[in-house]
Amino acid sequence: MSVKPSAVRTSKVPKVGFVSLGCPKALVDSERIITRLRSEGYQIAPDYDGADVVVVNTCGFLDSAKAESLDAIGEAMAKNGRVIVTGCMGVEEGRIRAEHPGVLAVTGPHQYEQVVNAVHDAVPPLHDPYVDLVPPEGLHLTPRHYAYLKISEGCNNRCSFCIIPSLRGDLASRPANHVMTEAERLVKAGVKELLVISQDTSAYGLDIKYAESPWKGQPLKARFLDLCSALGDLGAWVRLHYVYPYPHVDGVIPLMADGKILPYLDIPFQHASPAVLKAMRRPAHQEKTAARIAAWRNTCPDLAIRSTFIVGFPGETEEDFQFLLQWLKEARINRAGCFKYEPVAGAVANDLPGAVPEEVKEERWHRFMAAQQDVSTELLAEKVGRTIPVLIDEIDDEGAIGRTKWDAPEIDGAVYLDGETGLAPGDIVNVRITASDETDLEGELA
């Protein structure tokens, strides 16, 4: 934190602008800060001009993300001039202040109290807080019908390309009853879909030895499977993100087959070649992962898997890359994102031999995306003719846009319902799928 700035004295309701960058975990951090500020009487300004101070929640995972964060800070400084910086890039306070010496304060990730204190210093609250200024579920930056549910902070893994543990620390799980209380409040407030997130979701509870806490008169363990089962009792869609494929993940597949949670797993595989995975220091790697996925789908035929991959990692050979392409087709990954390897300051991978030329990274990226498009096109074509539930996200002049249980918001595909302007966001309707392409579906109300 910096030296406290002079506070703005105002008789009007203080307003805070907010810029939130990075992943859904950072978005949850932003929501928590906004909820606290709103409960104290602050309003959230829709633009720079109307804000008494601007908070920029930064991302610091990749160099490109850091550059975006610095640009966002610069824009806020230019258009408002009173800026508080928080988030993952906040650990590099020296670099931030070197480029933007006028920022009021800099804090690191999930330092909610420090951010709120910095806002107090810049713009004191007008009056004492009243709890009825915010709904019991808090304030969210997502639409009202879905919300992210963070179950832990940090990570115990030490992947060679990643600096998240140095930014966010080791695994720190929330007590199970705290998670369930938040989830229940969200559902009671009308949330139809809970998106479970953390840095390593399937490691949940390891750090607190799977401690029990009371929930609905019964003890509930802070364990991945137990939590999933309890969440499945709330009556909302439950979607699992950032799940490392540890052996105990097998136990959650029957919950998907039974309809308790969505048949969807977001697993950051990153690669398939054993040699590359070893160099990446990836946890829970098994050479027979594709066979394991096939076994999951034998239990739950509707299971969809989304993942992310890195091409051009140091030492990746053409043989390694061909192995990845073949594995991709064999595993039939439903949705996949691909990144060209980018050396991140402080990552161990930077010192590995065998740097891949940029033009080779680019060429492999295009080949990967073409291969994945073929897989996605084939899998989506299999949905044509089926009648499936669709969660409506938005309505425009042409009709409704929604998602299936196999699609997460903003990162996966959509279902387009032409002419259906009478629906509302949050509706869950049965849709007969009439057409598909490589990413999306079209349908009509059943």
Protein backbone atom coordinates (compact mmCIF):
# COMPACT_ATOMS: atom_id res chain seq x y z
CA MET A 1 0.00 0.00 0.00
CA SER A 2 1.10 3.55 -0.67
CA VAL A 3 1.00 6.59 1.57
CA LYS A 4 -2.62 7.54 2.16
CA PRO A 5 -3.81 10.12 -0.41
CA SER A 6 -5.87 13.13 0.49
CA ALA A 7 -9.52 12.16 0.58
CA VAL A 8 -12.11 13.74 -1.68
CA ARG A 9 -14.65 15.60 0.46
CA THR A 10 -18.10 15.34 -1.01
CA SER A 11 -21.68 15.76 0.16
CA LYS A 12 -23.08 13.56 -2.60
CA VAL A 13 -23.19 9.78 -2.65
CA PRO A 14 -19.61 8.60 -3.41
CA LYS A 15 -19.22 6.67 -6.66
CA VAL A 16 -16.58 4.08 -7.54
CA GLY A 17 -15.73 3.01 -11.08
CA PHE A 18 -14.61 -0.57 -11.62
CA VAL A 19 -12.51 -2.23 -14.32
CA SER A 20 -12.22 -6.01 -13.90
CA LEU A 21 -9.72 -7.94 -16.04
CA GLY A 22 -8.64 -11.58 -16.18
CA CYS A 23 -10.30 -14.87 -15.28
CA PRO A 24 -13.59 -15.67 -13.50
CA LYS A 25 -11.69 -16.00 -10.21
CA ALA A 26 -10.70 -12.34 -10.51
CA LEU A 27 -14.30 -11.52 -11.40
CA VAL A 28 -15.43 -13.05 -8.10
CA ASP A 29 -12.85 -10.91 -6.29
CA SER A 30 -14.33 -7.85 -8.00
CA GLU A 31 -17.83 -8.89 -6.99
CA ARG A 32 -16.79 -9.23 -3.35
CA ILE A 33 -15.20 -5.80 -3.30
CA ILE A 34 -18.22 -4.23 -5.00
CA THR A 35 -20.58 -5.96 -2.56
CA ARG A 36 -18.65 -4.57 0.42
CA LEU A 37 -18.51 -1.04 -1.02
CA ARG A 38 -22.18 -1.07 -1.98
CA SER A 39 -23.12 -2.16 1.54
CA GLU A 40 -21.30 0.90 2.84
CA GLY A 41 -23.34 3.27 0.72
CA TYR A 42 -21.09 3.64 -2.32
CA GLN A 43 -22.58 3.60 -5.80
CA ILE A 44 -20.91 1.96 -8.79
CA ALA A 45 -20.26 4.47 -11.55
CA PRO A 46 -20.96 3.33 -15.14
CA ASP A 47 -18.17 5.46 -16.63
CA TYR A 48 -14.96 7.26 -15.74
CA ASP A 49 -16.53 10.74 -15.69
CA GLY A 50 -19.02 9.86 -12.99
CA ALA A 51 -16.54 8.15 -10.66
CA ASP A 52 -14.85 9.71 -7.64
CA VAL A 53 -12.23 6.97 -7.81
CA VAL A 54 -11.59 3.99 -10.13
CA VAL A 55 -10.50 0.51 -9.04
CA VAL A 56 -8.65 -1.56 -11.67
CA ASN A 57 -8.54 -5.29 -10.90
CA THR A 58 -5.58 -6.53 -12.94
CA CYS A 59 -4.40 -9.82 -14.44
CA GLY A 60 -0.74 -10.79 -14.22
CA PHE A 61 -0.59 -14.33 -15.60
CA LEU A 62 0.90 -13.69 -19.07
CA ASP A 63 3.05 -10.83 -20.31
CA SER A 64 0.27 -9.94 -22.74
CA ALA A 65 -2.18 -9.81 -19.82
CA LYS A 66 0.21 -7.57 -17.89
CA ALA A 67 0.43 -5.24 -20.88
CA GLU A 68 -3.37 -5.12 -21.05
CA SER A 69 -3.51 -4.35 -17.32
CA LEU A 70 -0.98 -1.51 -17.64
CA ASP A 71 -2.96 -0.10 -20.57
CA ALA A 72 -6.18 -0.26 -18.53
CA ILE A 73 -4.49 1.57 -15.64
CA GLY A 74 -3.20 4.19 -18.08
CA GLU A 75 -6.67 4.69 -19.56
CA ALA A 76 -8.22 5.09 -16.11
CA MET A 77 -5.51 7.59 -15.14
CA ALA A 78 -6.04 9.58 -18.32
CA LYS A 79 -9.85 9.65 -18.09
CA ASN A 80 -10.27 9.93 -14.32
CA GLY A 81 -6.92 10.44 -12.59
CA ARG A 82 -7.78 8.80 -9.25
CA VAL A 83 -6.94 5.11 -9.55
CA ILE A 84 -6.54 2.20 -7.12
CA VAL A 85 -4.87 -0.93 -8.51
CA THR A 86 -5.49 -4.46 -7.22
CA GLY A 87 -5.33 -8.06 -8.52
CA CYS A 88 -2.60 -10.40 -9.66
CA MET A 89 -0.37 -7.78 -11.22
CA GLY A 90 -0.47 -5.87 -7.95
CA VAL A 91 2.46 -7.97 -6.76
CA GLU A 92 4.59 -5.93 -9.20
CA GLU A 93 3.94 -2.59 -7.51
CA GLY A 94 7.31 -1.22 -8.59
CA ARG A 95 6.60 -1.80 -12.27
CA ILE A 96 3.10 -0.32 -11.97
CA ARG A 97 4.36 2.81 -10.23
CA ALA A 98 7.23 3.16 -12.68
CA GLU A 99 4.73 3.49 -15.54
CA HIS A 100 1.92 5.16 -13.60
CA PRO A 101 3.41 6.98 -10.60
CA GLY A 102 0.16 8.78 -9.84
CA VAL A 103 -1.89 5.74 -8.78
CA LEU A 104 -3.32 6.15 -5.30
CA ALA A 105 -2.68 2.62 -4.01
CA VAL A 106 -1.56 -0.83 -5.18
CA THR A 107 -2.62 -4.13 -3.58
CA GLY A 108 -2.20 -7.78 -4.53
CA PRO A 109 -4.80 -10.46 -5.35
CA HIS A 110 -7.78 -11.20 -3.06
CA GLN A 111 -6.78 -8.40 -0.65
CA TYR A 112 -10.33 -7.20 -0.27
CA GLU A 113 -9.85 -5.33 3.00
CA GLN A 114 -6.88 -3.37 1.70
CA VAL A 115 -8.80 -2.31 -1.43
CA VAL A 116 -11.79 -1.16 0.61
CA ASN A 117 -9.49 0.75 2.96
CA ALA A 118 -7.86 2.45 -0.02
CA VAL A 119 -11.30 3.50 -1.30
CA HIS A 120 -12.12 4.86 2.18
CA ASP A 121 -8.91 6.90 2.08
CA ALA A 122 -9.69 8.30 -1.36
CA VAL A 123 -13.44 8.82 -0.94
CA PRO A 124 -14.82 8.40 2.60
CA PRO A 125 -18.25 6.78 2.84
CA LEU A 126 -21.04 9.30 3.20
CA HIS A 127 -22.72 7.57 6.12
CA ASP A 128 -22.75 4.40 8.22
CA PRO A 129 -23.50 1.18 6.29
CA TYR A 130 -26.97 -0.39 6.18
CA VAL A 131 -27.21 -4.03 5.27
CA ASP A 132 -30.38 -3.52 3.25
CA LEU A 133 -28.45 -1.57 0.62
CA VAL A 134 -27.40 -4.87 -0.95
CA PRO A 135 -29.29 -8.11 -1.50
CA PRO A 136 -28.27 -11.06 0.71
CA GLU A 137 -26.54 -12.80 -2.22
CA GLY A 138 -24.27 -9.77 -2.79
CA LEU A 139 -23.73 -7.88 -6.04
CA HIS A 140 -22.50 -9.59 -9.19
CA LEU A 141 -21.08 -8.54 -12.53
CA THR A 142 -22.73 -11.49 -14.26
CA PRO A 143 -26.38 -11.60 -15.41
CA ARG A 144 -28.84 -12.42 -12.64
CA HIS A 145 -29.47 -15.99 -13.82
CA TYR A 146 -25.92 -17.33 -13.40
CA ALA A 147 -23.07 -16.75 -10.97
CA TYR A 148 -19.55 -17.95 -10.28
CA LEU A 149 -18.99 -19.76 -7.00
CA LYS A 150 -15.38 -19.70 -5.81
CA ILE A 151 -14.57 -22.56 -3.44
CA SER A 152 -10.87 -21.94 -2.77
CA GLU A 153 -7.95 -19.61 -3.42
CA GLY A 154 -4.41 -20.41 -4.57
CA CYS A 155 -2.80 -23.60 -5.81
CA ASN A 156 -0.35 -26.23 -4.53
CA ASN A 157 0.83 -27.25 -8.00
CA ARG A 158 4.09 -25.96 -9.43
CA CYS A 159 3.60 -26.18 -13.20
CA SER A 160 6.72 -24.92 -14.91
CA PHE A 161 4.91 -22.36 -17.10
CA CYS A 162 2.73 -20.89 -14.35
CA ILE A 163 3.32 -18.24 -11.67
CA ILE A 164 -0.16 -18.37 -10.11
CA PRO A 165 1.11 -19.78 -6.75
CA SER A 166 3.51 -16.86 -6.42
CA LEU A 167 0.66 -14.47 -7.18
CA ARG A 168 -2.18 -16.07 -5.21
CA GLY A 169 -0.41 -18.36 -2.77
CA ASP A 170 -0.99 -22.01 -1.91
CA LEU A 171 -4.37 -23.73 -1.78
CA ALA A 172 -6.75 -22.18 0.77
CA SER A 173 -10.16 -23.88 0.78
CA ARG A 174 -13.33 -22.35 2.14
CA PRO A 175 -15.31 -24.34 4.74
CA ALA A 176 -17.97 -26.41 3.02
CA ASN A 177 -20.85 -24.79 4.87
CA HIS A 178 -19.64 -21.31 3.84
CA VAL A 179 -19.69 -22.40 0.20
CA MET A 180 -23.13 -23.95 0.56
CA THR A 181 -24.57 -20.91 2.36
CA GLU A 182 -23.44 -18.65 -0.49
CA ALA A 183 -24.73 -21.09 -3.11
CA GLU A 184 -28.13 -21.39 -1.43
CA ARG A 185 -28.51 -17.61 -1.22
CA LEU A 186 -27.71 -17.30 -4.91
CA VAL A 187 -30.28 -19.91 -5.88
CA LYS A 188 -32.94 -18.31 -3.66
CA ALA A 189 -32.21 -15.01 -5.41
CA GLY A 190 -33.03 -16.56 -8.79
CA VAL A 191 -29.67 -17.83 -10.01
CA LYS A 192 -30.29 -20.79 -12.33
CA GLU A 193 -26.66 -21.83 -12.89
CA LEU A 194 -23.73 -22.05 -10.46
CA LEU A 195 -20.29 -22.12 -12.06
CA VAL A 196 -17.88 -23.67 -9.56
CA ILE A 197 -14.39 -22.22 -9.85
CA SER A 198 -11.00 -22.20 -8.14
CA GLN A 199 -7.44 -22.61 -9.31
CA ASP A 200 -7.60 -26.40 -8.71
CA THR A 201 -11.22 -27.34 -8.05
CA SER A 202 -10.68 -31.07 -7.57
CA ALA A 203 -8.06 -30.41 -4.85
CA TYR A 204 -10.72 -28.70 -2.75
CA GLY A 205 -10.35 -29.39 0.97
CA LEU A 206 -6.89 -30.94 0.85
CA ASP A 207 -5.32 -28.08 2.81
CA ILE A 208 -7.90 -28.25 5.62
CA LYS A 209 -7.82 -32.05 5.74
CA TYR A 210 -11.38 -32.25 4.34
CA ALA A 211 -12.72 -30.75 7.57
CA GLU A 212 -16.38 -31.25 8.39
CA SER A 213 -18.72 -28.33 9.01
CA PRO A 214 -22.43 -28.37 9.86
CA TRP A 215 -24.89 -28.02 6.98
CA LYS A 216 -28.66 -28.57 7.31
CA GLY A 217 -28.14 -30.39 10.59
CA GLN A 218 -25.59 -32.82 9.17
CA PRO A 219 -21.78 -32.75 8.92
CA LEU A 220 -20.50 -31.92 5.42
CA LYS A 221 -16.89 -32.67 4.49
CA ALA A 222 -14.84 -30.17 2.53
CA ARG A 223 -14.26 -32.76 -0.16
CA PHE A 224 -14.76 -32.40 -3.92
CA LEU A 225 -17.29 -35.20 -4.27
CA ASP A 226 -19.24 -34.32 -1.11
CA LEU A 227 -19.49 -30.69 -2.11
CA CYS A 228 -20.65 -31.57 -5.63
CA SER A 229 -23.34 -33.84 -4.20
CA ALA A 230 -24.58 -31.13 -1.83
CA LEU A 231 -24.63 -28.49 -4.56
CA GLY A 232 -26.62 -30.88 -6.72
CA ASP A 233 -29.43 -30.79 -4.15
CA LEU A 234 -30.06 -27.05 -4.62
CA GLY A 235 -32.04 -27.41 -7.84
CA ALA A 236 -29.77 -25.27 -10.05
CA TRP A 237 -27.44 -26.17 -12.87
CA VAL A 238 -24.00 -26.87 -11.38
CA ARG A 239 -21.03 -26.56 -13.75
CA LEU A 240 -17.47 -27.58 -12.79
CA HIS A 241 -14.48 -25.57 -13.99
CA TYR A 242 -10.70 -26.06 -13.63
CA VAL A 243 -10.87 -29.71 -12.61
CA TYR A 244 -7.56 -31.56 -12.58
CA PRO A 245 -8.16 -35.24 -13.43
CA TYR A 246 -7.10 -36.77 -10.11
CA PRO A 247 -8.35 -40.35 -9.61
CA HIS A 248 -11.14 -39.28 -7.25
CA VAL A 249 -12.73 -37.23 -10.06
CA ASP A 250 -14.11 -40.55 -11.34
CA GLY A 251 -16.58 -40.45 -8.44
CA VAL A 252 -18.37 -37.36 -9.72
CA ILE A 253 -19.31 -38.88 -13.09
CA PRO A 254 -22.27 -40.87 -11.67
CA LEU A 255 -23.65 -37.59 -10.25
CA MET A 256 -23.66 -36.28 -13.82
CA ALA A 257 -25.31 -39.42 -15.14
CA ASP A 258 -28.03 -39.02 -12.49
CA GLY A 259 -28.64 -35.38 -13.43
CA LYS A 260 -27.49 -33.91 -10.10
CA ILE A 261 -24.80 -31.78 -11.72
CA LEU A 262 -24.20 -30.88 -15.35
CA PRO A 263 -22.38 -33.43 -17.54
CA TYR A 264 -19.54 -30.98 -18.13
CA LEU A 265 -15.92 -30.97 -17.05
CA ASP A 266 -13.49 -28.13 -17.70
CA ILE A 267 -10.10 -29.87 -17.45
CA PRO A 268 -6.96 -27.88 -18.35
CA PHE A 269 -5.03 -30.74 -19.98
CA GLN A 270 -2.53 -28.33 -21.67
CA HIS A 271 -0.98 -31.14 -23.75
CA ALA A 272 -1.05 -34.89 -24.37
CA SER A 273 2.55 -35.81 -25.11
CA PRO A 274 4.11 -37.45 -22.01
CA ALA A 275 7.42 -35.71 -22.67
CA VAL A 276 5.85 -32.26 -22.85
CA LEU A 277 3.61 -32.88 -19.83
CA LYS A 278 6.65 -33.95 -17.82
CA ALA A 279 8.46 -30.75 -18.80
CA MET A 280 5.34 -28.78 -17.83
CA ARG A 281 5.25 -30.54 -14.43
CA ARG A 282 1.54 -31.14 -14.84
CA PRO A 283 -0.25 -32.86 -11.92
CA ALA A 284 -2.49 -35.92 -12.23
CA HIS A 285 -1.14 -36.88 -15.65
CA GLN A 286 -1.88 -40.37 -16.88
CA GLU A 287 -0.71 -41.70 -20.22
CA LYS A 288 -4.07 -43.44 -20.73
CA THR A 289 -6.17 -40.32 -20.28
CA ALA A 290 -8.13 -40.89 -23.49
CA ALA A 291 -9.15 -44.35 -22.27
CA ARG A 292 -10.23 -42.83 -18.98
CA ILE A 293 -12.37 -40.26 -20.78
CA ALA A 294 -13.97 -43.09 -22.74
CA ALA A 295 -14.79 -44.81 -19.43
CA TRP A 296 -16.38 -41.61 -18.12
CA ARG A 297 -18.54 -41.40 -21.22
CA ASN A 298 -19.51 -45.02 -20.82
CA THR A 299 -20.98 -44.04 -17.43
CA CYS A 300 -22.32 -40.68 -18.65
CA PRO A 301 -22.75 -40.69 -22.46
CA ASP A 302 -23.69 -37.00 -22.53
CA LEU A 303 -20.47 -35.85 -20.85
CA ALA A 304 -18.86 -32.83 -22.52
CA ILE A 305 -15.23 -31.91 -21.89
CA ARG A 306 -13.73 -28.50 -22.43
CA SER A 307 -10.01 -27.91 -22.13
CA THR A 308 -7.12 -25.62 -22.89
CA PHE A 309 -3.86 -26.50 -24.57
CA ILE A 310 -0.45 -24.94 -25.16
CA VAL A 311 1.49 -25.39 -28.39
CA GLY A 312 5.11 -24.45 -28.90
CA PHE A 313 6.19 -25.26 -25.34
CA PRO A 314 10.00 -25.42 -25.04
CA GLY A 315 11.21 -28.77 -26.33
CA GLU A 316 7.96 -29.63 -28.13
CA THR A 317 8.88 -31.60 -31.24
CA GLU A 318 6.78 -32.24 -34.33
CA GLU A 319 6.31 -35.77 -33.03
CA ASP A 320 4.97 -34.37 -29.73
CA PHE A 321 2.59 -32.13 -31.63
CA GLN A 322 1.35 -34.96 -33.86
CA PHE A 323 0.74 -36.99 -30.69
CA LEU A 324 -1.42 -34.13 -29.39
CA LEU A 325 -3.48 -33.93 -32.60
CA GLN A 326 -4.09 -37.68 -32.60
CA TRP A 327 -5.03 -37.62 -28.93
CA LEU A 328 -7.43 -34.73 -29.54
CA LYS A 329 -9.31 -36.78 -32.12
CA GLU A 330 -9.29 -39.92 -29.99
CA ALA A 331 -10.46 -38.15 -26.83
CA ARG A 332 -13.13 -36.19 -28.74
CA ILE A 333 -12.74 -33.01 -26.73
CA ASN A 334 -15.95 -31.03 -27.18
CA ARG A 335 -14.53 -27.55 -26.71
CA ALA A 336 -10.88 -26.54 -26.72
CA GLY A 337 -8.93 -23.33 -26.47
CA CYS A 338 -5.32 -23.16 -27.62
CA PHE A 339 -2.53 -20.77 -26.68
CA LYS A 340 0.87 -20.31 -28.22
CA TYR A 341 3.47 -20.68 -25.48
CA GLU A 342 4.47 -17.34 -24.03
CA PRO A 343 7.37 -17.05 -21.58
CA VAL A 344 6.07 -15.50 -18.37
CA ALA A 345 8.51 -13.57 -16.21
CA GLY A 346 9.42 -15.73 -13.23
CA ALA A 347 8.28 -19.04 -14.73
CA VAL A 348 10.68 -22.00 -14.51
CA ALA A 349 9.88 -22.99 -18.11
CA ASN A 350 11.79 -19.97 -19.37
CA ASP A 351 15.06 -21.78 -18.66
CA LEU A 352 14.12 -24.97 -20.52
CA PRO A 353 16.06 -25.78 -23.70
CA GLY A 354 14.50 -26.19 -27.12
CA ALA A 355 12.70 -22.88 -27.63
CA VAL A 356 10.20 -23.20 -30.48
CA PRO A 357 10.38 -20.47 -33.16
CA GLU A 358 7.40 -18.11 -33.29
CA GLU A 359 6.53 -19.08 -36.87
CA VAL A 360 6.37 -22.75 -35.83
CA LYS A 361 4.12 -21.88 -32.88
CA GLU A 362 1.82 -19.99 -35.23
CA GLU A 363 1.68 -22.84 -37.73
CA ARG A 364 0.95 -25.42 -35.02
CA TRP A 365 -1.75 -23.22 -33.54
CA HIS A 366 -3.58 -23.09 -36.86
CA ARG A 367 -3.26 -26.85 -37.32
CA PHE A 368 -4.55 -27.47 -33.80
CA MET A 369 -7.56 -25.19 -34.27
CA ALA A 370 -8.41 -26.84 -37.61
CA ALA A 371 -8.25 -30.30 -36.01
CA GLN A 372 -10.41 -29.19 -33.08
CA GLN A 373 -12.93 -27.60 -35.42
CA ASP A 374 -13.36 -30.94 -37.17
CA VAL A 375 -14.01 -32.68 -33.84
CA SER A 376 -16.41 -29.96 -32.66
CA THR A 377 -18.34 -29.97 -35.94
CA GLU A 378 -18.81 -33.74 -35.75
CA LEU A 379 -19.94 -33.71 -32.11
CA LEU A 380 -22.39 -30.83 -32.59
CA ALA A 381 -23.92 -32.51 -35.66
CA GLU A 382 -24.87 -35.40 -33.38
CA LYS A 383 -27.14 -33.02 -31.45
CA VAL A 384 -29.37 -32.26 -34.47
CA GLY A 385 -32.80 -33.78 -34.02
CA ARG A 386 -32.53 -33.99 -30.22
CA THR A 387 -34.76 -32.05 -27.83
CA ILE A 388 -32.69 -30.58 -25.01
CA PRO A 389 -33.03 -27.99 -22.20
CA VAL A 390 -31.63 -24.58 -23.07
CA LEU A 391 -30.91 -21.75 -20.62
CA ILE A 392 -31.75 -18.40 -22.22
CA ASP A 393 -29.03 -15.77 -21.85
CA GLU A 394 -30.31 -12.86 -23.92
CA ILE A 395 -33.03 -11.62 -26.25
CA ASP A 396 -32.52 -9.39 -29.28
CA ASP A 397 -34.64 -8.23 -32.21
CA GLU A 398 -34.07 -11.49 -34.06
CA GLY A 399 -34.88 -13.92 -31.27
CA ALA A 400 -33.38 -15.63 -28.25
CA ILE A 401 -29.84 -16.81 -27.56
CA GLY A 402 -29.19 -19.53 -25.01
CA ARG A 403 -26.89 -22.34 -23.95
CA THR A 404 -27.12 -26.06 -23.45
CA LYS A 405 -25.84 -27.96 -20.44
CA TRP A 406 -22.66 -28.56 -22.48
CA ASP A 407 -21.80 -24.87 -22.87
CA ALA A 408 -20.42 -22.42 -20.31
CA PRO A 409 -21.16 -18.70 -20.73
CA GLU A 410 -18.83 -16.60 -22.89
CA ILE A 411 -16.33 -19.39 -23.62
CA ASP A 412 -18.35 -22.11 -25.35
CA GLY A 413 -21.08 -22.12 -27.97
CA ALA A 414 -24.67 -20.88 -28.14
CA VAL A 415 -28.12 -21.98 -29.28
CA TYR A 416 -29.97 -19.54 -31.55
CA LEU A 417 -33.79 -19.46 -31.53
CA ASP A 418 -34.91 -17.23 -34.41
CA GLY A 419 -38.11 -15.31 -33.81
CA GLU A 420 -38.46 -16.28 -30.14
CA THR A 421 -38.64 -12.78 -28.68
CA GLY A 422 -41.16 -13.66 -25.97
CA LEU A 423 -38.64 -15.44 -23.75
CA ALA A 424 -36.60 -13.87 -20.94
CA PRO A 425 -33.03 -14.31 -19.68
CA GLY A 426 -33.00 -17.11 -17.11
CA ASP A 427 -35.78 -19.12 -18.74
CA ILE A 428 -35.02 -22.81 -19.23
CA VAL A 429 -36.92 -24.15 -22.22
CA ASN A 430 -36.96 -27.37 -24.21
CA VAL A 431 -35.53 -26.89 -27.68
CA ARG A 432 -35.45 -29.19 -30.69
CA ILE A 433 -32.08 -28.75 -32.42
CA THR A 434 -32.50 -28.17 -36.16
CA ALA A 435 -28.99 -27.24 -37.37
CA SER A 436 -25.37 -27.01 -36.29
CA ASP A 437 -21.98 -25.72 -37.41
CA GLU A 438 -18.49 -25.91 -35.90
CA THR A 439 -19.36 -23.88 -32.78
CA ASP A 440 -23.10 -23.26 -32.38
CA LEU A 441 -26.57 -24.79 -32.67
CA GLU A 442 -29.90 -23.60 -34.02
CA GLY A 443 -33.27 -24.77 -32.78
CA GLU A 444 -36.95 -24.21 -32.18
CA LEU A 445 -39.13 -24.49 -29.11
CA ALA A 446 -40.32 -28.05 -28.62
